Amino acid sequence: MGKASQIHLRSGIGELPSYSLVGSAKVCRSHVVSLYEEFLEKLEKFQHALYKNMQQGLHDEIRACLSIGDYSGLYSVCERNYAPGYHDKDVVVIYLFSTYLTHNLHQARGIWLSLSPTFKQDATILATWNLAKSLIQRNFKAAYEILDGTQWQSAASLAATFRIQLSQQMIKTVAKAYSSLTIASACELLGVSIESLISLCNSYGWTVSGDLVYPKSPKAESANPVSAADIERLTNLLAFLENNINISV
């Protein structure tokens, strides 16, 4: 016998063909490998199709929220569908902006840490994260510069909306926190030019004198005045308590 041991089968009609054990094993192994490779290829196609369908559904939900300005809904959609290792850059940027617009800035760091090194090098994602850092550090001048100087592409409407929201919030903050501040400081905090600041001051009744801005504190919400009818109802209630519950008020 040779290296490949031969099996000779005999019957009444003569000698049957011989088979090589080694050869059969090689053929069997080759067939299994071929089937396994085919399985992996089909699995990859299935996963790609499934992911594509999921992405389409997610993008549809995101578009629906953006179309009506539902940023809380947008945040919920992104939070529900996001997982570490997520590989859609546009969705990552949108998710980060949704945290800013819904006052969930604390979530941004966790999203950033979950990203792959490749994603962290993406210019738009990096700009979005730098915006978060500026807000955390209360460096509003840098925040406005990032908002105004970045090509936001699919997140352009979110960036524009957040800029307005940030500016409006800072107007309220400045009005409450400052009795006066320099024009330069006001421009940095509000993200406006000197010309725009003058116009803004006129709109809000703030005073500009020399190099200083004097914000006007927002009027405190006055309590509803007590009417004669309210006094009468209270009197009747006290009389009821005295006469029916046997207590002295």
C-alpha atoms as a PDB file:
ATOM      1  CA  MET A   1       0.000   0.000   0.000  1.00  0.00           C
ATOM      2  CA  GLY A   2       1.075   3.573  -0.585  1.00  0.00           C
ATOM      3  CA  LYS A   3       0.870   6.545   1.746  1.00  0.00           C
ATOM      4  CA  ALA A   4      -2.842   6.780   1.106  1.00  0.00           C
ATOM      5  CA  SER A   5      -4.112   3.510   2.517  1.00  0.00           C
ATOM      6  CA  GLN A   6      -6.305   1.738   0.004  1.00  0.00           C
ATOM      7  CA  ILE A   7      -9.508  -0.117   0.768  1.00  0.00           C
ATOM      8  CA  HIS A   8     -10.347  -2.790  -1.762  1.00  0.00           C
ATOM      9  CA  LEU A   9     -13.900  -4.067  -1.728  1.00  0.00           C
ATOM     10  CA  ARG A  10     -14.713  -7.339  -3.399  1.00  0.00           C
ATOM     11  CA  SER A  11     -18.031  -8.812  -4.356  1.00  0.00           C
ATOM     12  CA  GLY A  12     -19.356 -11.517  -6.478  1.00  0.00           C
ATOM     13  CA  ILE A  13     -19.077  -9.388  -9.578  1.00  0.00           C
ATOM     14  CA  GLY A  14     -15.441  -8.575  -9.197  1.00  0.00           C
ATOM     15  CA  GLU A  15     -13.343  -5.819  -7.645  1.00  0.00           C
ATOM     16  CA  LEU A  16     -15.021  -2.482  -6.882  1.00  0.00           C
ATOM     17  CA  PRO A  17     -13.174   0.816  -7.318  1.00  0.00           C
ATOM     18  CA  SER A  18     -10.744   1.642  -4.545  1.00  0.00           C
ATOM     19  CA  TYR A  19     -11.056   4.809  -2.373  1.00  0.00           C
ATOM     20  CA  SER A  20      -8.356   6.828  -0.669  1.00  0.00           C
ATOM     21  CA  LEU A  21      -9.078   7.652   2.986  1.00  0.00           C
ATOM     22  CA  VAL A  22      -6.784  10.655   2.848  1.00  0.00           C
ATOM     23  CA  GLY A  23      -8.275  11.867  -0.393  1.00  0.00           C
ATOM     24  CA  SER A  24     -11.832  11.532   0.913  1.00  0.00           C
ATOM     25  CA  ALA A  25     -10.929  13.462   4.026  1.00  0.00           C
ATOM     26  CA  LYS A  26      -9.478  16.265   1.914  1.00  0.00           C
ATOM     27  CA  VAL A  27     -12.567  16.381  -0.280  1.00  0.00           C
ATOM     28  CA  CYS A  28     -14.857  16.442   2.782  1.00  0.00           C
ATOM     29  CA  ARG A  29     -12.870  19.192   4.501  1.00  0.00           C
ATOM     30  CA  SER A  30     -12.792  21.274   1.353  1.00  0.00           C
ATOM     31  CA  HIS A  31     -16.551  20.941   0.994  1.00  0.00           C
ATOM     32  CA  VAL A  32     -17.168  22.015   4.607  1.00  0.00           C
ATOM     33  CA  VAL A  33     -14.899  25.039   4.197  1.00  0.00           C
ATOM     34  CA  SER A  34     -16.720  25.985   1.030  1.00  0.00           C
ATOM     35  CA  LEU A  35     -20.119  25.714   2.748  1.00  0.00           C
ATOM     36  CA  TYR A  36     -18.871  27.740   5.723  1.00  0.00           C
ATOM     37  CA  GLU A  37     -17.541  30.505   3.485  1.00  0.00           C
ATOM     38  CA  GLU A  38     -20.857  30.581   1.625  1.00  0.00           C
ATOM     39  CA  PHE A  39     -22.688  30.806   4.951  1.00  0.00           C
ATOM     40  CA  LEU A  40     -20.534  33.719   6.092  1.00  0.00           C
ATOM     41  CA  GLU A  41     -21.108  35.549   2.826  1.00  0.00           C
ATOM     42  CA  LYS A  42     -24.877  35.136   3.102  1.00  0.00           C
ATOM     43  CA  LEU A  43     -24.807  36.152   6.771  1.00  0.00           C
ATOM     44  CA  GLU A  44     -22.890  39.305   5.916  1.00  0.00           C
ATOM     45  CA  LYS A  45     -25.422  40.191   3.219  1.00  0.00           C
ATOM     46  CA  PHE A  46     -28.284  39.555   5.639  1.00  0.00           C
ATOM     47  CA  GLN A  47     -26.710  41.706   8.341  1.00  0.00           C
ATOM     48  CA  HIS A  48     -26.067  44.488   5.829  1.00  0.00           C
ATOM     49  CA  ALA A  49     -29.687  44.402   4.642  1.00  0.00           C
ATOM     50  CA  LEU A  50     -30.959  44.341   8.237  1.00  0.00           C
ATOM     51  CA  TYR A  51     -28.721  47.248   9.232  1.00  0.00           C
ATOM     52  CA  LYS A  52     -29.809  49.197   6.153  1.00  0.00           C
ATOM     53  CA  ASN A  53     -33.469  48.709   7.047  1.00  0.00           C
ATOM     54  CA  MET A  54     -32.841  49.726  10.654  1.00  0.00           C
ATOM     55  CA  GLN A  55     -30.930  52.798   9.535  1.00  0.00           C
ATOM     56  CA  GLN A  56     -33.711  53.773   7.174  1.00  0.00           C
ATOM     57  CA  GLY A  57     -36.233  53.472   9.998  1.00  0.00           C
ATOM     58  CA  LEU A  58     -34.028  55.520  12.323  1.00  0.00           C
ATOM     59  CA  HIS A  59     -33.476  58.223   9.720  1.00  0.00           C
ATOM     60  CA  ASP A  60     -37.220  58.401   9.105  1.00  0.00           C
ATOM     61  CA  GLU A  61     -37.831  58.908  12.837  1.00  0.00           C
ATOM     62  CA  ILE A  62     -35.124  61.572  13.006  1.00  0.00           C
ATOM     63  CA  ARG A  63     -36.574  63.421  10.009  1.00  0.00           C
ATOM     64  CA  ALA A  64     -40.036  63.291  11.549  1.00  0.00           C
ATOM     65  CA  CYS A  65     -38.774  64.865  14.789  1.00  0.00           C
ATOM     66  CA  LEU A  66     -36.789  67.538  12.961  1.00  0.00           C
ATOM     67  CA  SER A  67     -39.732  68.458  10.750  1.00  0.00           C
ATOM     68  CA  ILE A  68     -41.806  69.514  13.772  1.00  0.00           C
ATOM     69  CA  GLY A  69     -38.974  70.726  16.003  1.00  0.00           C
ATOM     70  CA  ASP A  70     -39.519  67.942  18.529  1.00  0.00           C
ATOM     71  CA  TYR A  71     -36.073  67.914  20.123  1.00  0.00           C
ATOM     72  CA  SER A  72     -37.136  65.906  23.163  1.00  0.00           C
ATOM     73  CA  GLY A  73     -38.474  63.266  20.792  1.00  0.00           C
ATOM     74  CA  LEU A  74     -35.258  63.459  18.787  1.00  0.00           C
ATOM     75  CA  TYR A  75     -33.204  62.904  21.924  1.00  0.00           C
ATOM     76  CA  SER A  76     -35.344  59.893  22.878  1.00  0.00           C
ATOM     77  CA  VAL A  77     -35.035  58.364  19.395  1.00  0.00           C
ATOM     78  CA  CYS A  78     -31.246  58.722  19.390  1.00  0.00           C
ATOM     79  CA  GLU A  79     -30.881  57.475  22.957  1.00  0.00           C
ATOM     80  CA  ARG A  80     -33.024  54.416  22.230  1.00  0.00           C
ATOM     81  CA  ASN A  81     -31.120  53.426  19.095  1.00  0.00           C
ATOM     82  CA  TYR A  82     -27.563  54.384  19.985  1.00  0.00           C
ATOM     83  CA  ALA A  83     -25.009  51.851  21.198  1.00  0.00           C
ATOM     84  CA  PRO A  84     -21.202  52.009  21.641  1.00  0.00           C
ATOM     85  CA  GLY A  85     -19.501  51.375  18.322  1.00  0.00           C
ATOM     86  CA  TYR A  86     -22.327  52.983  16.359  1.00  0.00           C
ATOM     87  CA  HIS A  87     -21.104  53.690  12.856  1.00  0.00           C
ATOM     88  CA  ASP A  88     -23.256  56.457  11.401  1.00  0.00           C
ATOM     89  CA  LYS A  89     -21.432  59.751  11.777  1.00  0.00           C
ATOM     90  CA  ASP A  90     -24.448  61.919  10.968  1.00  0.00           C
ATOM     91  CA  VAL A  91     -26.524  60.247  13.685  1.00  0.00           C
ATOM     92  CA  VAL A  92     -23.724  60.719  16.234  1.00  0.00           C
ATOM     93  CA  VAL A  93     -23.615  64.468  15.499  1.00  0.00           C
ATOM     94  CA  ILE A  94     -27.408  64.727  15.652  1.00  0.00           C
ATOM     95  CA  TYR A  95     -27.465  62.791  18.942  1.00  0.00           C
ATOM     96  CA  LEU A  96     -24.911  65.148  20.468  1.00  0.00           C
ATOM     97  CA  PHE A  97     -26.907  68.206  19.390  1.00  0.00           C
ATOM     98  CA  SER A  98     -30.081  66.685  20.803  1.00  0.00           C
ATOM     99  CA  THR A  99     -28.398  66.555  24.222  1.00  0.00           C
ATOM    100  CA  TYR A 100     -27.545  70.265  23.981  1.00  0.00           C
ATOM    101  CA  LEU A 101     -31.035  71.268  22.877  1.00  0.00           C
ATOM    102  CA  THR A 102     -32.726  69.332  25.688  1.00  0.00           C
ATOM    103  CA  HIS A 103     -30.345  70.437  28.456  1.00  0.00           C
ATOM    104  CA  ASN A 104     -28.780  66.965  28.722  1.00  0.00           C
ATOM    105  CA  LEU A 105     -25.240  68.214  28.196  1.00  0.00           C
ATOM    106  CA  HIS A 106     -23.940  65.751  30.805  1.00  0.00           C
ATOM    107  CA  GLN A 107     -24.695  62.907  28.364  1.00  0.00           C
ATOM    108  CA  ALA A 108     -22.305  64.257  25.726  1.00  0.00           C
ATOM    109  CA  ARG A 109     -19.166  63.013  27.477  1.00  0.00           C
ATOM    110  CA  GLY A 110     -20.462  59.443  27.586  1.00  0.00           C
ATOM    111  CA  ILE A 111     -21.261  59.554  23.872  1.00  0.00           C
ATOM    112  CA  TRP A 112     -17.796  60.906  23.079  1.00  0.00           C
ATOM    113  CA  LEU A 113     -16.042  58.232  25.151  1.00  0.00           C
ATOM    114  CA  SER A 114     -18.000  55.487  23.374  1.00  0.00           C
ATOM    115  CA  LEU A 115     -16.750  56.528  19.923  1.00  0.00           C
ATOM    116  CA  SER A 116     -14.025  54.736  18.007  1.00  0.00           C
ATOM    117  CA  PRO A 117     -10.677  56.526  17.414  1.00  0.00           C
ATOM    118  CA  THR A 118     -11.620  56.912  13.735  1.00  0.00           C
ATOM    119  CA  PHE A 119     -14.858  58.685  14.585  1.00  0.00           C
ATOM    120  CA  LYS A 120     -13.087  60.970  17.050  1.00  0.00           C
ATOM    121  CA  GLN A 121     -10.929  62.211  14.160  1.00  0.00           C
ATOM    122  CA  ASP A 122     -13.945  63.163  12.038  1.00  0.00           C
ATOM    123  CA  ALA A 123     -13.988  66.954  11.688  1.00  0.00           C
ATOM    124  CA  THR A 124     -17.726  67.426  12.311  1.00  0.00           C
ATOM    125  CA  ILE A 125     -17.892  65.042  15.272  1.00  0.00           C
ATOM    126  CA  LEU A 126     -14.800  66.673  16.787  1.00  0.00           C
ATOM    127  CA  ALA A 127     -16.318  70.139  16.357  1.00  0.00           C
ATOM    128  CA  THR A 128     -19.539  68.976  18.006  1.00  0.00           C
ATOM    129  CA  TRP A 129     -17.616  67.606  20.975  1.00  0.00           C
ATOM    130  CA  ASN A 130     -15.481  70.768  21.225  1.00  0.00           C
ATOM    131  CA  LEU A 131     -18.740  72.695  21.384  1.00  0.00           C
ATOM    132  CA  ALA A 132     -19.772  70.586  24.376  1.00  0.00           C
ATOM    133  CA  LYS A 133     -16.446  71.245  26.085  1.00  0.00           C
ATOM    134  CA  SER A 134     -16.823  74.987  25.534  1.00  0.00           C
ATOM    135  CA  LEU A 135     -20.297  74.926  27.063  1.00  0.00           C
ATOM    136  CA  ILE A 136     -19.123  72.877  30.052  1.00  0.00           C
ATOM    137  CA  GLN A 137     -16.242  75.312  30.599  1.00  0.00           C
ATOM    138  CA  ARG A 138     -18.643  78.243  30.049  1.00  0.00           C
ATOM    139  CA  ASN A 139     -16.399  79.559  27.307  1.00  0.00           C
ATOM    140  CA  PHE A 140     -19.265  81.037  25.303  1.00  0.00           C
ATOM    141  CA  LYS A 141     -17.043  82.974  22.924  1.00  0.00           C
ATOM    142  CA  ALA A 142     -15.475  79.691  21.777  1.00  0.00           C
ATOM    143  CA  ALA A 143     -18.918  78.067  21.569  1.00  0.00           C
ATOM    144  CA  TYR A 144     -20.227  80.760  19.221  1.00  0.00           C
ATOM    145  CA  GLU A 145     -17.064  80.560  17.116  1.00  0.00           C
ATOM    146  CA  ILE A 146     -17.526  76.803  16.691  1.00  0.00           C
ATOM    147  CA  LEU A 147     -21.205  77.186  15.828  1.00  0.00           C
ATOM    148  CA  ASP A 148     -20.477  79.916  13.266  1.00  0.00           C
ATOM    149  CA  GLY A 149     -17.290  78.445  11.796  1.00  0.00           C
ATOM    150  CA  THR A 150     -18.201  74.785  11.209  1.00  0.00           C
ATOM    151  CA  GLN A 151     -19.745  73.252   8.091  1.00  0.00           C
ATOM    152  CA  TRP A 152     -22.480  71.294   9.847  1.00  0.00           C
ATOM    153  CA  GLN A 153     -23.933  69.594   6.777  1.00  0.00           C
ATOM    154  CA  SER A 154     -26.822  67.353   7.936  1.00  0.00           C
ATOM    155  CA  ALA A 155     -26.889  69.068  11.356  1.00  0.00           C
ATOM    156  CA  ALA A 156     -27.044  72.632   9.991  1.00  0.00           C
ATOM    157  CA  SER A 157     -30.611  73.252  11.169  1.00  0.00           C
ATOM    158  CA  LEU A 158     -29.798  71.891  14.633  1.00  0.00           C
ATOM    159  CA  ALA A 159     -26.713  74.095  14.918  1.00  0.00           C
ATOM    160  CA  ALA A 160     -28.704  77.175  13.878  1.00  0.00           C
ATOM    161  CA  THR A 161     -31.515  76.364  16.318  1.00  0.00           C
ATOM    162  CA  PHE A 162     -29.100  75.770  19.169  1.00  0.00           C
ATOM    163  CA  ARG A 163     -27.282  79.025  18.479  1.00  0.00           C
ATOM    164  CA  ILE A 164     -30.551  80.926  18.845  1.00  0.00           C
ATOM    165  CA  GLN A 165     -31.410  78.973  21.992  1.00  0.00           C
ATOM    166  CA  LEU A 166     -27.988  79.653  23.521  1.00  0.00           C
ATOM    167  CA  SER A 167     -28.139  83.353  22.716  1.00  0.00           C
ATOM    168  CA  GLN A 168     -31.647  83.698  24.184  1.00  0.00           C
ATOM    169  CA  GLN A 169     -30.586  81.868  27.324  1.00  0.00           C
ATOM    170  CA  MET A 170     -27.553  84.107  27.729  1.00  0.00           C
ATOM    171  CA  ILE A 171     -29.699  87.241  27.351  1.00  0.00           C
ATOM    172  CA  LYS A 172     -31.760  86.072  30.340  1.00  0.00           C
ATOM    173  CA  THR A 173     -28.633  85.167  32.300  1.00  0.00           C
ATOM    174  CA  VAL A 174     -26.947  88.519  31.675  1.00  0.00           C
ATOM    175  CA  ALA A 175     -30.124  90.425  32.606  1.00  0.00           C
ATOM    176  CA  LYS A 176     -30.338  88.592  35.933  1.00  0.00           C
ATOM    177  CA  ALA A 177     -26.654  88.375  36.818  1.00  0.00           C
ATOM    178  CA  TYR A 178     -25.212  91.744  35.743  1.00  0.00           C
ATOM    179  CA  SER A 179     -26.019  95.273  36.742  1.00  0.00           C
ATOM    180  CA  SER A 180     -23.404  96.380  34.215  1.00  0.00           C
ATOM    181  CA  LEU A 181     -20.706  94.867  31.999  1.00  0.00           C
ATOM    182  CA  THR A 182     -18.393  96.034  29.261  1.00  0.00           C
ATOM    183  CA  ILE A 183     -19.530  96.060  25.653  1.00  0.00           C
ATOM    184  CA  ALA A 184     -16.785  93.555  24.795  1.00  0.00           C
ATOM    185  CA  SER A 185     -17.951  91.155  27.493  1.00  0.00           C
ATOM    186  CA  ALA A 186     -21.568  91.491  26.402  1.00  0.00           C
ATOM    187  CA  CYS A 187     -20.638  90.698  22.803  1.00  0.00           C
ATOM    188  CA  GLU A 188     -18.771  87.570  23.906  1.00  0.00           C
ATOM    189  CA  LEU A 189     -21.569  86.326  26.141  1.00  0.00           C
ATOM    190  CA  LEU A 190     -24.315  86.984  23.613  1.00  0.00           C
ATOM    191  CA  GLY A 191     -22.390  86.043  20.475  1.00  0.00           C
ATOM    192  CA  VAL A 192     -23.112  89.292  18.627  1.00  0.00           C
ATOM    193  CA  SER A 193     -21.225  92.135  16.996  1.00  0.00           C
ATOM    194  CA  ILE A 194     -21.171  95.615  18.528  1.00  0.00           C
ATOM    195  CA  GLU A 195     -23.741  96.812  15.977  1.00  0.00           C
ATOM    196  CA  SER A 196     -26.043  93.879  16.786  1.00  0.00           C
ATOM    197  CA  LEU A 197     -25.533  94.468  20.502  1.00  0.00           C
ATOM    198  CA  ILE A 198     -26.752  98.067  20.215  1.00  0.00           C
ATOM    199  CA  SER A 199     -29.864  96.872  18.410  1.00  0.00           C
ATOM    200  CA  LEU A 200     -30.404  94.143  21.010  1.00  0.00           C
ATOM    201  CA  CYS A 201     -30.054  96.623  23.873  1.00  0.00           C
ATOM    202  CA  ASN A 202     -32.691  98.848  22.303  1.00  0.00           C
ATOM    203  CA  SER A 203     -35.036  95.853  21.948  1.00  0.00           C
ATOM    204  CA  TYR A 204     -34.708  94.856  25.603  1.00  0.00           C
ATOM    205  CA  GLY A 205     -34.587  98.327  27.093  1.00  0.00           C
ATOM    206  CA  TRP A 206     -30.946  98.026  28.141  1.00  0.00           C
ATOM    207  CA  THR A 207     -28.780 101.121  28.387  1.00  0.00           C
ATOM    208  CA  VAL A 208     -25.433 101.638  26.682  1.00  0.00           C
ATOM    209  CA  SER A 209     -23.232 104.365  28.096  1.00  0.00           C
ATOM    210  CA  GLY A 210     -19.620 104.760  27.116  1.00  0.00           C
ATOM    211  CA  ASP A 211     -17.995 101.337  27.215  1.00  0.00           C
ATOM    212  CA  LEU A 212     -20.623  99.816  29.488  1.00  0.00           C
ATOM    213  CA  VAL A 213     -23.923  98.044  29.026  1.00  0.00           C
ATOM    214  CA  TYR A 214     -26.564  98.263  31.744  1.00  0.00           C
ATOM    215  CA  PRO A 215     -28.962  95.329  31.400  1.00  0.00           C
ATOM    216  CA  LYS A 216     -32.518  95.730  32.540  1.00  0.00           C
ATOM    217  CA  SER A 217     -33.628  92.998  34.910  1.00  0.00           C
ATOM    218  CA  PRO A 218     -36.686  91.127  33.666  1.00  0.00           C
ATOM    219  CA  LYS A 219     -39.873  92.054  35.459  1.00  0.00           C
ATOM    220  CA  ALA A 220     -40.784  89.633  38.197  1.00  0.00           C
ATOM    221  CA  GLU A 221     -44.016  87.863  37.502  1.00  0.00           C
ATOM    222  CA  SER A 222     -46.622  89.554  39.652  1.00  0.00           C
ATOM    223  CA  ALA A 223     -48.940  87.390  41.677  1.00  0.00           C
ATOM    224  CA  ASN A 224     -52.581  87.427  40.715  1.00  0.00           C
ATOM    225  CA  PRO A 225     -54.354  90.136  42.746  1.00  0.00           C
ATOM    226  CA  VAL A 226     -56.816  88.985  45.390  1.00  0.00           C
ATOM    227  CA  SER A 227     -60.338  89.890  44.407  1.00  0.00           C
ATOM    228  CA  ALA A 228     -63.360  90.570  46.596  1.00  0.00           C
ATOM    229  CA  ALA A 229     -64.819  87.284  45.383  1.00  0.00           C
ATOM    230  CA  ASP A 230     -61.734  85.424  46.661  1.00  0.00           C
ATOM    231  CA  ILE A 231     -62.114  87.051  50.102  1.00  0.00           C
ATOM    232  CA  GLU A 232     -65.789  86.139  50.195  1.00  0.00           C
ATOM    233  CA  ARG A 233     -65.068  82.495  49.304  1.00  0.00           C
ATOM    234  CA  LEU A 234     -62.392  82.305  52.014  1.00  0.00           C
ATOM    235  CA  THR A 235     -64.762  83.818  54.584  1.00  0.00           C
ATOM    236  CA  ASN A 236     -67.484  81.322  53.704  1.00  0.00           C
ATOM    237  CA  LEU A 237     -64.987  78.466  53.977  1.00  0.00           C
ATOM    238  CA  LEU A 238     -63.870  79.555  57.453  1.00  0.00           C
ATOM    239  CA  ALA A 239     -67.502  79.872  58.574  1.00  0.00           C
ATOM    240  CA  PHE A 240     -68.216  76.370  57.296  1.00  0.00           C
ATOM    241  CA  LEU A 241     -65.245  74.948  59.203  1.00  0.00           C
ATOM    242  CA  GLU A 242     -66.344  76.651  62.447  1.00  0.00           C
ATOM    243  CA  ASN A 243     -69.988  75.605  62.206  1.00  0.00           C
ATOM    244  CA  ASN A 244     -69.696  72.081  60.828  1.00  0.00           C
ATOM    245  CA  ILE A 245     -66.366  70.667  61.935  1.00  0.00           C
ATOM    246  CA  ASN A 246     -66.468  72.111  65.438  1.00  0.00           C
ATOM    247  CA  ILE A 247     -63.080  73.799  65.346  1.00  0.00           C
ATOM    248  CA  SER A 248     -62.128  77.320  66.132  1.00  0.00           C
ATOM    249  CA  VAL A 249     -60.108  79.145  63.556  1.00  0.00           C
END
